[in-house]
């Protein structure tokens, strides 16, 4: 199929009216979402399949995408979760012998629309200066006025509840059922490599749908709770905030990542805010101010917690700070075994500097 692929024209239109012309990548069609960029130099498949990216059009800053193909076991979920792809070079021939298919075949199988052969440096600079905004990609509609009408119908990410759309529909188990430690995972968009990190540390996990009640999870009698990463606006998730409050009331150990971090903050009266651009990539420097050491982290989030709320809080304290913009990267609840980080310590892709956090959680159990 891909050997005879001919690049057709495609258009990227941003909400502020900026237009970019390029070539079709993946399926011929139209897609919409909030545009954002990822600065990672590798791991494009893990990015595509990360549920936290649901509803977002991804601009990749690495020049070549698809050059080492697609390998089934490297997916973080059951399929592509980004809304669309913007890249410079969409490489259909691939170099890795172990790969299962080309990126073009993969995108066509997953009904994924993208655009290539555009100046991604210019696009990233534009988004960085103007902030996050909605966008539309089309390789079937090239009329700009028609695209503007379609784009105007796309809702803002602010106020969107998306976790229930990517969460598992039924509970499932992960790891060795004979393991001594049981952890209940609230799946708001969990990645497979997070579950693997637990399994490697002797944890038997039961993964629950996003809207599962605390009482339902407690029936399984877990030793602790994990609140996962995921997409959307945390303040639009009162069901999850209430669940976190109920877990805290039991004094059982709790660990949150990314969206789980934001929900732990909200459960303790700390607000969240939509960031101008967010953090997406695998080279973000973070300082652990408790242990006084730095780590390079893998990140993916468009919302953050309000620093001034934490400084006024008598319930939570800061544990980690972003060294680029001084945003809050980690908190813990005073007097409880409950903590969270804004980044992705399973780091797939990314450096493994932060995997000690899983060990810290296991030690609490």
Protein backbone atom coordinates (compact mmCIF):
# COMPACT_ATOMS: atom_id res chain seq x y z
CA UNK A 1 0.00 0.00 0.00
CA UNK A 2 2.51 2.59 1.18
CA UNK A 3 5.01 1.84 -1.61
CA UNK A 4 2.66 3.54 -4.06
CA UNK A 5 1.58 6.37 -1.77
CA UNK A 6 1.23 9.75 -3.50
CA UNK A 7 1.24 12.87 -1.35
CA UNK A 8 -1.89 14.93 -1.87
CA UNK A 9 -2.29 18.57 -0.75
CA UNK A 10 -3.45 19.32 2.82
CA UNK A 11 -4.22 22.43 4.87
CA UNK A 12 -3.67 23.34 8.53
CA UNK A 13 -5.82 26.22 9.80
CA UNK A 14 -5.38 27.70 13.29
CA UNK A 15 -8.14 29.43 15.26
CA UNK A 16 -6.43 32.80 14.85
CA UNK A 17 -6.73 32.49 11.05
CA UNK A 18 -3.14 31.41 10.32
CA UNK A 19 -2.95 28.95 7.39
CA UNK A 20 -0.23 26.45 6.49
CA UNK A 21 -0.19 24.42 3.27
CA UNK A 22 1.45 21.01 3.16
CA UNK A 23 0.94 17.39 2.10
CA UNK A 24 -1.48 14.76 3.35
CA UNK A 25 -0.12 12.26 5.89
CA UNK A 26 -2.11 9.19 6.93
CA UNK A 27 -5.79 8.95 6.07
CA UNK A 28 -7.39 11.43 3.69
CA UNK A 29 -9.93 13.36 5.75
CA UNK A 30 -10.51 16.19 8.22
CA UNK A 31 -9.73 16.41 11.94
CA UNK A 32 -9.94 19.04 14.69
CA UNK A 33 -8.50 19.58 18.16
CA UNK A 34 -6.32 21.83 20.30
CA UNK A 35 -2.90 22.24 18.73
CA UNK A 36 0.19 21.65 20.88
CA UNK A 37 3.82 20.68 20.35
CA UNK A 38 6.11 17.96 21.70
CA UNK A 39 9.87 18.54 21.91
CA UNK A 40 10.88 14.87 22.23
CA UNK A 41 13.47 13.58 19.77
CA UNK A 42 12.22 10.00 19.88
CA UNK A 43 9.24 7.92 21.00
CA UNK A 44 6.64 9.16 18.52
CA UNK A 45 4.55 5.99 18.85
CA UNK A 46 4.33 6.31 22.63
CA UNK A 47 3.24 9.94 22.15
CA UNK A 48 0.57 9.03 19.58
CA UNK A 49 -0.93 6.40 21.91
CA UNK A 50 -0.74 8.35 25.19
CA UNK A 51 -4.38 8.87 26.30
CA UNK A 52 -3.41 12.23 27.85
CA UNK A 53 -3.21 13.61 24.29
CA UNK A 54 -6.83 12.80 23.50
CA UNK A 55 -8.44 15.72 21.65
CA UNK A 56 -5.12 17.33 20.71
CA UNK A 57 -3.41 17.88 17.36
CA UNK A 58 0.28 17.16 17.85
CA UNK A 59 3.12 19.14 16.25
CA UNK A 60 6.38 17.19 16.47
CA UNK A 61 9.58 19.22 16.63
CA UNK A 62 11.78 16.32 15.53
CA UNK A 63 12.29 16.52 11.76
CA UNK A 64 11.68 12.83 10.97
CA UNK A 65 8.55 10.98 12.07
CA UNK A 66 7.98 7.34 11.10
CA UNK A 67 11.61 6.62 10.25
CA UNK A 68 11.86 3.56 12.54
CA UNK A 69 8.36 2.28 11.83
CA UNK A 70 5.63 1.09 14.18
CA UNK A 71 6.05 -1.79 16.65
CA UNK A 72 2.88 -3.14 18.27
CA UNK A 73 4.38 -3.63 21.73
CA UNK A 74 5.43 0.03 22.00
CA UNK A 75 1.88 1.38 22.17
CA UNK A 76 0.82 2.95 25.48
CA UNK A 77 -2.87 2.15 24.94
CA UNK A 78 -5.20 0.31 22.58
CA UNK A 79 -4.71 2.78 19.71
CA UNK A 80 -3.79 6.29 18.58
CA UNK A 81 -5.16 8.94 20.94
CA UNK A 82 -3.96 12.19 19.35
CA UNK A 83 -6.53 13.99 17.20
CA UNK A 84 -4.11 14.64 14.34
CA UNK A 85 -0.42 15.00 13.44
CA UNK A 86 1.61 17.93 12.08
CA UNK A 87 5.18 17.05 11.08
CA UNK A 88 8.01 18.04 8.74
CA UNK A 89 9.00 14.69 7.20
CA UNK A 90 6.47 11.83 7.27
CA UNK A 91 8.80 8.90 6.61
CA UNK A 92 6.94 5.95 5.15
CA UNK A 93 9.97 3.67 4.47
CA UNK A 94 11.41 2.60 7.84
CA UNK A 95 14.79 1.37 9.04
CA UNK A 96 13.99 -1.03 11.90
CA UNK A 97 13.70 -4.70 10.99
CA UNK A 98 11.64 -5.45 14.11
CA UNK A 99 8.91 -2.97 13.12
CA UNK A 100 5.46 -4.38 12.31
CA UNK A 101 4.35 -1.77 9.78
CA UNK A 102 4.95 1.66 8.29
CA UNK A 103 3.51 4.80 9.85
CA UNK A 104 1.31 5.34 6.78
CA UNK A 105 -0.29 1.90 7.06
CA UNK A 106 -0.67 2.44 10.81
CA UNK A 107 -2.39 5.80 10.36
CA UNK A 108 -4.71 4.42 7.70
CA UNK A 109 -5.63 1.47 9.94
CA UNK A 110 -6.37 3.91 12.80
CA UNK A 111 -8.20 6.50 10.63
CA UNK A 112 -5.65 9.15 11.60
CA UNK A 113 -5.38 12.37 9.59
CA UNK A 114 -2.16 14.37 9.43
CA UNK A 115 -0.23 16.99 7.48
CA UNK A 116 3.47 16.93 6.58
CA UNK A 117 5.93 19.04 4.58
CA UNK A 118 5.23 22.15 6.64
CA UNK A 119 7.72 24.31 8.55
CA UNK A 120 7.17 22.94 12.06
CA UNK A 121 9.71 25.40 13.48
CA UNK A 122 7.55 28.30 12.34
CA UNK A 123 4.37 26.64 13.65
CA UNK A 124 5.92 25.94 17.07
CA UNK A 125 7.18 29.53 17.36
CA UNK A 126 3.70 30.77 16.48
CA UNK A 127 1.95 28.58 19.07
CA UNK A 128 4.59 29.39 21.68
CA UNK A 129 3.97 33.11 21.20
CA UNK A 130 0.18 33.03 20.76
CA UNK A 131 -0.65 30.20 23.18
CA UNK A 132 -2.69 27.02 22.83
CA UNK A 133 -5.61 27.23 20.40
CA UNK A 134 -7.87 25.00 18.34
CA UNK A 135 -6.94 23.93 14.82
CA UNK A 136 -8.20 21.92 11.87
CA UNK A 137 -6.30 19.71 9.40
CA UNK A 138 -7.88 18.65 6.13
CA UNK A 139 -6.77 16.79 3.02
CA UNK A 140 -10.32 16.64 1.61
CA UNK A 141 -11.50 20.25 2.11
CA UNK A 142 -9.06 22.88 0.84
CA UNK A 143 -11.46 25.83 0.96
CA UNK A 144 -10.33 28.03 3.87
CA UNK A 145 -13.73 29.64 4.48
CA UNK A 146 -15.38 26.22 4.76
CA UNK A 147 -12.67 25.10 7.19
CA UNK A 148 -13.21 28.24 9.31
CA UNK A 149 -16.89 27.33 9.71
CA UNK A 150 -16.01 23.80 10.86
CA UNK A 151 -13.28 25.05 13.21
CA UNK A 152 -15.65 27.51 14.89
CA UNK A 153 -17.75 24.54 16.09
CA UNK A 154 -14.87 22.94 18.05
CA UNK A 155 -15.20 23.37 21.86
CA UNK A 156 -12.41 24.84 23.99
CA UNK A 157 -10.32 22.42 26.05
CA UNK A 158 -11.19 24.60 29.05
CA UNK A 159 -14.03 22.85 30.86
CA UNK A 160 -13.85 19.61 28.84
CA UNK A 161 -14.17 16.29 30.69
CA UNK A 162 -12.38 13.71 28.52
CA UNK A 163 -11.10 10.98 30.86
CA UNK A 164 -14.31 8.97 30.73
CA UNK A 165 -13.88 8.77 26.94
CA UNK A 166 -10.46 7.07 27.12
CA UNK A 167 -10.84 5.08 30.35
CA UNK A 168 -11.39 1.32 30.36
CA UNK A 169 -15.05 0.32 30.21
CA UNK A 170 -14.59 -2.71 32.47
CA UNK A 171 -12.15 -3.38 35.34
CA UNK A 172 -9.11 -5.53 34.49
CA UNK A 173 -6.04 -6.89 36.27
CA UNK A 174 -2.34 -6.33 35.59
CA UNK A 175 0.60 -8.20 37.14
CA UNK A 176 1.03 -11.34 39.22
CA UNK A 177 -2.14 -12.29 41.10
CA UNK A 178 0.01 -13.91 43.82
CA UNK A 179 1.83 -10.63 44.55
CA UNK A 180 1.59 -9.45 48.16
CA UNK A 181 0.79 -5.82 47.28
CA UNK A 182 -2.52 -4.81 45.71
CA UNK A 183 -2.96 -1.36 44.17
CA UNK A 184 -6.25 0.02 42.86
CA UNK A 185 -5.66 2.10 39.73
CA UNK A 186 -8.24 4.75 38.83
CA UNK A 187 -7.89 4.79 35.05
CA UNK A 188 -8.29 8.34 33.75
CA UNK A 189 -6.11 7.52 30.75
CA UNK A 190 -3.39 5.29 32.22
CA UNK A 191 -0.35 4.27 30.13
CA UNK A 192 0.76 0.65 29.86
CA UNK A 193 4.29 1.47 31.01
CA UNK A 194 2.96 2.86 34.29
CA UNK A 195 1.30 -0.50 34.94
CA UNK A 196 4.51 -2.29 33.93
CA UNK A 197 6.47 -0.23 36.48
CA UNK A 198 4.09 -1.41 39.19
CA UNK A 199 4.23 -5.03 38.03
CA UNK A 200 8.05 -5.00 38.01
CA UNK A 201 7.93 -3.95 41.68
CA UNK A 202 5.74 -6.83 42.81
CA UNK A 203 2.36 -5.09 42.57
CA UNK A 204 -0.89 -6.72 41.49
CA UNK A 205 -3.03 -3.94 40.05
CA UNK A 206 -6.74 -3.77 39.41
CA UNK A 207 -7.56 -1.05 36.90
CA UNK A 208 -10.96 0.59 37.37
CA UNK A 209 -13.03 2.79 35.00
CA UNK A 210 -12.79 6.55 35.61
CA UNK A 211 -16.19 6.93 37.27
CA UNK A 212 -15.88 3.96 39.65
CA UNK A 213 -16.94 4.88 43.18
CA UNK A 214 -14.51 4.66 46.09
CA UNK A 215 -16.73 2.07 47.82
CA UNK A 216 -16.59 -0.16 44.73
CA UNK A 217 -12.76 -0.03 44.61
CA UNK A 218 -12.52 -0.56 48.37
CA UNK A 219 -14.37 -3.89 48.06
CA UNK A 220 -11.21 -5.30 46.49
CA UNK A 221 -9.31 -4.30 49.68
CA UNK A 222 -6.27 -2.71 48.00
CA UNK A 223 -3.19 -1.69 49.99
CA UNK A 224 -3.10 1.69 48.21
CA UNK A 225 -4.50 3.80 45.40
CA UNK A 226 -3.02 5.20 42.21
CA UNK A 227 -4.68 8.11 40.33
CA UNK A 228 -3.51 8.09 36.70
CA UNK A 229 -2.68 10.60 34.02
CA UNK A 230 -5.33 11.55 31.49
CA UNK A 231 -6.74 14.23 29.18
CA UNK A 232 -9.01 17.24 29.70
CA UNK A 233 -9.73 19.83 32.37
CA UNK A 234 -9.34 18.47 35.94
CA UNK A 235 -11.80 21.04 37.33
CA UNK A 236 -14.49 19.48 35.12
CA UNK A 237 -14.18 16.17 37.02
CA UNK A 238 -16.07 16.53 40.33
CA UNK A 239 -16.62 12.75 40.39
CA UNK A 240 -12.86 12.10 40.53
CA UNK A 241 -12.19 14.91 43.02
CA UNK A 242 -14.77 13.37 45.39
CA UNK A 243 -13.17 9.93 44.98
CA UNK A 244 -9.74 11.32 45.88
CA UNK A 245 -11.23 13.01 48.99
CA UNK A 246 -12.73 9.68 50.10
CA UNK A 247 -9.40 7.88 49.61
CA UNK A 248 -7.60 10.54 51.67
CA UNK A 249 -10.13 10.11 54.47
CA UNK A 250 -9.08 6.43 54.84
CA UNK A 251 -5.38 7.30 55.26
CA UNK A 252 -4.43 4.63 52.72
CA UNK A 253 -1.35 5.47 50.61
CA UNK A 254 -2.15 7.44 47.45
CA UNK A 255 0.06 8.30 44.45
CA UNK A 256 -1.04 10.57 41.60
CA UNK A 257 0.56 11.33 38.23
CA UNK A 258 -0.20 14.30 35.95
CA UNK A 259 -4.03 14.57 35.95
CA UNK A 260 -3.92 12.60 39.22
CA UNK A 261 -1.61 15.30 40.60
CA UNK A 262 -4.08 18.02 39.65
CA UNK A 263 -6.97 16.09 41.22
CA UNK A 264 -5.03 15.62 44.48
CA UNK A 265 -4.52 19.39 44.54
CA UNK A 266 -8.21 20.10 43.87
CA UNK A 267 -9.23 17.62 46.59
CA UNK A 268 -7.23 19.74 49.04
CA UNK A 269 -8.58 23.13 48.01
CA UNK A 270 -5.75 24.00 45.61
CA UNK A 271 -6.93 25.35 42.23
CA UNK A 272 -5.83 24.40 38.72
CA UNK A 273 -5.31 26.62 35.68
CA UNK A 274 -5.00 26.17 31.92
CA UNK A 275 -1.41 26.91 30.97
CA UNK A 276 -0.43 29.23 28.12
CA UNK A 277 1.34 26.38 26.33
CA UNK A 278 1.79 23.46 28.68
CA UNK A 279 4.78 21.11 28.94
CA UNK A 280 5.22 18.32 26.39
CA UNK A 281 8.50 16.55 25.82
CA UNK A 282 11.08 14.36 27.50
CA UNK A 283 13.77 16.81 28.61
CA UNK A 284 12.10 19.03 31.24
CA UNK A 285 14.35 19.76 34.25
CA UNK A 286 12.72 19.37 37.66
CA UNK A 287 14.16 19.86 41.15
CA UNK A 288 13.12 17.64 44.05
CA UNK A 289 13.36 20.21 46.85
CA UNK A 290 12.90 17.57 49.57
CA UNK A 291 15.88 15.45 48.48
CA UNK A 292 17.74 18.44 46.95
CA UNK A 293 18.47 16.82 43.59
CA UNK A 294 17.49 17.43 40.00
CA UNK A 295 15.99 15.09 37.43
CA UNK A 296 15.23 15.30 33.72
CA UNK A 297 11.57 14.39 33.20
CA UNK A 298 9.07 13.33 30.58
CA UNK A 299 6.01 15.60 30.54
CA UNK A 300 2.63 16.00 28.89
CA UNK A 301 0.13 18.44 30.35
CA UNK A 302 -1.80 21.58 29.43
CA UNK A 303 -3.12 22.33 32.94
CA UNK A 304 -1.20 23.03 36.13
CA UNK A 305 -1.80 23.68 39.82
CA UNK A 306 -1.92 27.22 41.23
CA UNK A 307 1.30 27.89 43.15
CA UNK A 308 -0.14 30.71 45.29
CA UNK A 309 -2.90 28.37 46.53
CA UNK A 310 -0.31 25.87 47.77
CA UNK A 311 1.72 28.56 49.49
CA UNK A 312 -1.42 29.55 51.45
CA UNK A 313 -2.50 25.95 52.13
CA UNK A 314 -2.09 24.24 55.49
CA UNK A 315 -2.88 20.84 53.90
CA UNK A 316 -0.27 20.39 51.17
CA UNK A 317 3.36 21.28 50.57
CA UNK A 318 5.52 21.55 47.44
CA UNK A 319 7.99 18.74 46.74
CA UNK A 320 9.10 19.42 43.14
CA UNK A 321 9.60 22.59 41.04
CA UNK A 322 10.10 23.02 37.29
CA UNK A 323 13.47 24.67 36.71
CA UNK A 324 12.37 26.30 33.43
CA UNK A 325 9.30 28.24 34.59
CA UNK A 326 9.15 27.53 38.36
CA UNK A 327 5.74 25.84 38.01
CA UNK A 328 4.71 23.23 40.60
CA UNK A 329 5.80 19.70 39.65
CA UNK A 330 5.04 17.79 42.85
CA UNK A 331 3.11 18.01 46.12
CA UNK A 332 2.45 15.90 49.19
CA UNK A 333 -0.36 16.03 51.73
CA UNK A 334 0.80 16.90 55.23
CA UNK A 335 0.26 14.14 57.77
CA UNK A 336 -0.75 11.55 55.15
CA UNK A 337 0.93 9.06 52.82
CA UNK A 338 -0.35 10.90 49.75
CA UNK A 339 1.80 12.54 47.10
CA UNK A 340 1.76 13.35 43.39
CA UNK A 341 3.89 14.66 40.53
CA UNK A 342 2.94 16.62 37.42
CA UNK A 343 5.24 14.68 35.10
CA UNK A 344 5.36 11.05 33.88
CA UNK A 345 7.93 9.09 35.95
CA UNK A 346 7.44 5.89 33.91
CA UNK A 347 9.27 7.99 31.26
CA UNK A 348 8.33 6.12 28.12
CA UNK A 349 9.82 7.74 26.18
CA UNK A 350 12.35 9.62 28.26
CA UNK A 351 15.12 9.36 30.87
CA UNK A 352 14.56 7.11 33.88
CA UNK A 353 15.57 9.71 36.50
CA UNK A 354 12.14 9.70 38.18
CA UNK A 355 11.32 6.02 38.56
CA UNK A 356 12.33 6.21 42.23
CA UNK A 357 8.82 7.63 42.82
CA UNK A 358 7.34 4.17 42.25
CA UNK A 359 9.78 2.83 44.86
CA UNK A 360 8.73 5.59 47.28
CA UNK A 361 5.08 4.60 46.83
CA UNK A 362 5.82 0.89 47.31
CA UNK A 363 7.72 1.73 50.51
CA UNK A 364 4.55 3.38 51.85
CA UNK A 365 2.57 0.20 51.19
